[in-house]
């Protein structure tokens, strides 16, 4: 895999590599961004986007007027509950990629509710948050996970938030977890 191709990937997508190199591969090369197809994941994405937009202009009133109608499959009470139970994050802190500026808070959409464990991998997140991203380190780690016919997967609780769980033979479903 050419190193130049990997260097062209925005650091936002590299956040997935903290959890699983296979998820990173699917998001960076197959889909080019996360696509959430399950209702559960869509609810999480709706809550994050709604909360971010509620921090702007007319706030929640405008979100209820413009965004709520786009999701008729849920009741207004359910949508409001999703907003109310989601924590706010700053929409005014930006990052840039190829002269395109985007909110740093986009990381929440990238990883949904996947939690970083204190003693586990969090290098990409730390570097992303502190604007000290070292692409060569991440490329080296990714290339080490690439085998002849597959990309190494790291299963765990984060699989629950992965949009590729249904196609990953190593993914961990909630029912299979040992953390109950």
Protein backbone atom coordinates (compact mmCIF):
# COMPACT_ATOMS: atom_id res chain seq x y z
CA UNK A 1 0.00 0.00 0.00
CA UNK A 2 1.56 3.31 -1.06
CA UNK A 3 2.54 5.57 1.83
CA UNK A 4 1.38 8.64 -0.13
CA UNK A 5 -2.16 7.27 -0.14
CA UNK A 6 -2.09 6.86 3.64
CA UNK A 7 -0.63 10.34 4.15
CA UNK A 8 -3.61 11.84 2.30
CA UNK A 9 -6.09 10.53 4.89
CA UNK A 10 -7.36 13.22 7.28
CA UNK A 11 -6.52 12.76 10.94
CA UNK A 12 -10.24 12.59 11.76
CA UNK A 13 -10.42 9.17 10.07
CA UNK A 14 -7.31 7.97 11.92
CA UNK A 15 -9.28 8.17 15.19
CA UNK A 16 -10.71 4.76 14.28
CA UNK A 17 -7.25 3.23 14.44
CA UNK A 18 -7.25 3.68 18.23
CA UNK A 19 -10.02 1.09 18.38
CA UNK A 20 -9.50 -1.21 15.42
CA UNK A 21 -7.34 -1.13 12.30
CA UNK A 22 -10.04 -2.94 10.32
CA UNK A 23 -12.62 -0.28 11.18
CA UNK A 24 -10.10 2.35 10.12
CA UNK A 25 -9.58 0.53 6.82
CA UNK A 26 -13.31 0.25 6.12
CA UNK A 27 -13.96 3.92 6.95
CA UNK A 28 -10.89 5.33 5.21
CA UNK A 29 -10.77 3.20 2.07
CA UNK A 30 -14.11 1.48 1.51
CA UNK A 31 -16.64 4.13 2.59
CA UNK A 32 -14.40 7.23 3.00
CA UNK A 33 -16.48 8.18 6.07
CA UNK A 34 -18.71 6.32 8.51
CA UNK A 35 -22.15 5.30 7.22
CA UNK A 36 -24.58 4.41 9.97
CA UNK A 37 -27.33 2.09 8.74
CA UNK A 38 -28.75 0.70 11.99
CA UNK A 39 -31.47 2.59 13.82
CA UNK A 40 -29.37 2.59 16.99
CA UNK A 41 -26.40 4.23 15.26
CA UNK A 42 -28.66 6.72 13.48
CA UNK A 43 -30.15 7.77 16.81
CA UNK A 44 -26.65 8.40 18.17
CA UNK A 45 -25.69 10.41 15.07
CA UNK A 46 -28.96 12.39 15.22
CA UNK A 47 -28.32 13.26 18.88
CA UNK A 48 -24.77 14.43 18.21
CA UNK A 49 -25.69 16.50 15.16
CA UNK A 50 -28.78 17.93 16.85
CA UNK A 51 -26.83 18.92 19.96
CA UNK A 52 -24.09 20.56 17.86
CA UNK A 53 -26.63 22.53 15.83
CA UNK A 54 -28.61 23.47 18.95
CA UNK A 55 -25.54 25.40 20.12
CA UNK A 56 -25.92 27.76 17.15
CA UNK A 57 -28.27 30.65 16.42
CA UNK A 58 -31.80 29.99 17.64
CA UNK A 59 -30.70 26.81 19.36
CA UNK A 60 -33.02 23.90 20.01
CA UNK A 61 -36.10 25.66 18.65
CA UNK A 62 -34.54 25.79 15.18
CA UNK A 63 -33.37 22.16 15.47
CA UNK A 64 -36.92 21.09 16.36
CA UNK A 65 -38.32 23.06 13.43
CA UNK A 66 -35.81 22.02 10.76
CA UNK A 67 -34.14 18.76 11.79
CA UNK A 68 -36.91 16.90 13.64
CA UNK A 69 -39.12 16.56 10.51
CA UNK A 70 -36.26 14.78 8.70
CA UNK A 71 -36.66 11.82 11.06
CA UNK A 72 -40.36 10.87 11.00
CA UNK A 73 -39.64 7.32 12.21
CA UNK A 74 -39.19 8.59 15.79
CA UNK A 75 -41.62 10.52 17.94
CA UNK A 76 -40.82 14.13 18.83
CA UNK A 77 -40.55 13.09 22.47
CA UNK A 78 -37.94 10.48 21.54
CA UNK A 79 -35.97 13.00 19.47
CA UNK A 80 -36.09 15.55 22.28
CA UNK A 81 -34.91 12.90 24.73
CA UNK A 82 -31.97 12.10 22.44
CA UNK A 83 -31.00 15.77 22.45
CA UNK A 84 -31.49 16.17 26.20
CA UNK A 85 -29.33 13.17 27.07
CA UNK A 86 -26.44 14.12 24.80
CA UNK A 87 -23.66 16.25 26.22
CA UNK A 88 -22.70 19.45 24.38
CA UNK A 89 -19.34 20.02 22.73
CA UNK A 90 -17.79 23.06 21.18
CA UNK A 91 -18.73 23.67 17.57
CA UNK A 92 -16.48 26.71 17.38
CA UNK A 93 -13.13 24.92 17.57
CA UNK A 94 -11.96 23.99 14.09
CA UNK A 95 -9.49 21.77 12.30
CA UNK A 96 -8.57 21.95 8.66
CA UNK A 97 -7.87 19.40 5.98
CA UNK A 98 -6.75 20.55 2.54
CA UNK A 99 -8.01 24.08 3.28
CA UNK A 100 -11.44 22.82 4.34
CA UNK A 101 -12.34 23.81 7.87
CA UNK A 102 -14.59 21.60 9.96
CA UNK A 103 -15.54 21.48 13.64
CA UNK A 104 -13.15 19.49 15.78
CA UNK A 105 -16.28 18.02 17.38
CA UNK A 106 -16.76 15.89 14.24
CA UNK A 107 -14.74 13.31 16.16
CA UNK A 108 -17.94 12.49 18.05
CA UNK A 109 -19.63 11.44 14.81
CA UNK A 110 -16.58 9.44 13.81
CA UNK A 111 -16.55 7.28 16.93
CA UNK A 112 -20.14 7.70 18.18
CA UNK A 113 -20.22 6.46 21.77
CA UNK A 114 -17.09 4.34 21.67
CA UNK A 115 -15.27 4.89 24.92
CA UNK A 116 -11.56 5.19 25.33
CA UNK A 117 -10.25 3.02 28.13
CA UNK A 118 -7.60 4.70 30.25
CA UNK A 119 -4.99 2.02 29.72
CA UNK A 120 -5.86 1.23 26.11
CA UNK A 121 -4.93 2.88 22.83
CA UNK A 122 -5.72 6.58 22.69
CA UNK A 123 -2.78 7.96 20.75
CA UNK A 124 -4.77 9.22 17.74
CA UNK A 125 -7.37 10.88 19.97
CA UNK A 126 -4.73 12.62 22.07
CA UNK A 127 -2.86 13.87 19.01
CA UNK A 128 -6.11 14.94 17.32
CA UNK A 129 -7.26 16.87 20.41
CA UNK A 130 -3.89 18.60 20.87
CA UNK A 131 -3.15 19.26 17.18
CA UNK A 132 0.04 17.21 17.35
CA UNK A 133 -0.90 14.49 14.87
CA UNK A 134 2.08 12.36 13.78
CA UNK A 135 0.91 10.65 10.62
CA UNK A 136 4.06 8.54 10.15
CA UNK A 137 3.54 6.76 13.50
CA UNK A 138 -0.02 5.86 12.56
CA UNK A 139 0.97 4.70 9.09
CA UNK A 140 3.63 2.41 10.59
CA UNK A 141 1.12 0.88 13.03
CA UNK A 142 -1.49 0.43 10.31
CA UNK A 143 0.93 -1.24 7.91
CA UNK A 144 1.98 -3.64 10.68
CA UNK A 145 -1.68 -4.74 10.95
CA UNK A 146 -2.02 -5.48 7.24
CA UNK A 147 -1.69 -9.14 6.35
CA UNK A 148 -1.85 -10.75 2.93
CA UNK A 149 -5.64 -11.05 2.72
CA UNK A 150 -7.03 -9.12 5.68
CA UNK A 151 -6.57 -6.27 8.10
CA UNK A 152 -6.07 -7.11 11.78
CA UNK A 153 -9.14 -6.49 13.93
CA UNK A 154 -9.19 -5.69 17.64
CA UNK A 155 -12.52 -6.73 19.14
CA UNK A 156 -13.99 -5.27 22.30
CA UNK A 157 -16.74 -3.01 23.64
CA UNK A 158 -16.08 -0.50 20.87
CA UNK A 159 -17.49 -3.01 18.35
CA UNK A 160 -20.98 -2.06 19.55
CA UNK A 161 -20.59 1.36 17.92
CA UNK A 162 -18.94 0.08 14.75
CA UNK A 163 -21.03 0.38 11.59
CA UNK A 164 -19.19 -2.64 10.17
CA UNK A 165 -19.99 -5.11 12.97
CA UNK A 166 -22.35 -7.06 10.70
CA UNK A 167 -19.54 -7.79 8.21
CA UNK A 168 -16.67 -8.35 10.63
CA UNK A 169 -15.93 -11.95 11.54
CA UNK A 170 -13.96 -10.84 14.61
CA UNK A 171 -16.50 -8.30 15.91
CA UNK A 172 -17.90 -8.59 19.42
CA UNK A 173 -21.67 -8.43 19.79
CA UNK A 174 -23.23 -7.30 23.08
CA UNK A 175 -24.60 -10.77 23.74
CA UNK A 176 -21.08 -12.24 23.41
CA UNK A 177 -19.38 -9.75 25.72
CA UNK A 178 -17.94 -10.71 29.08
CA UNK A 179 -18.56 -7.31 30.66
CA UNK A 180 -22.14 -7.77 31.85
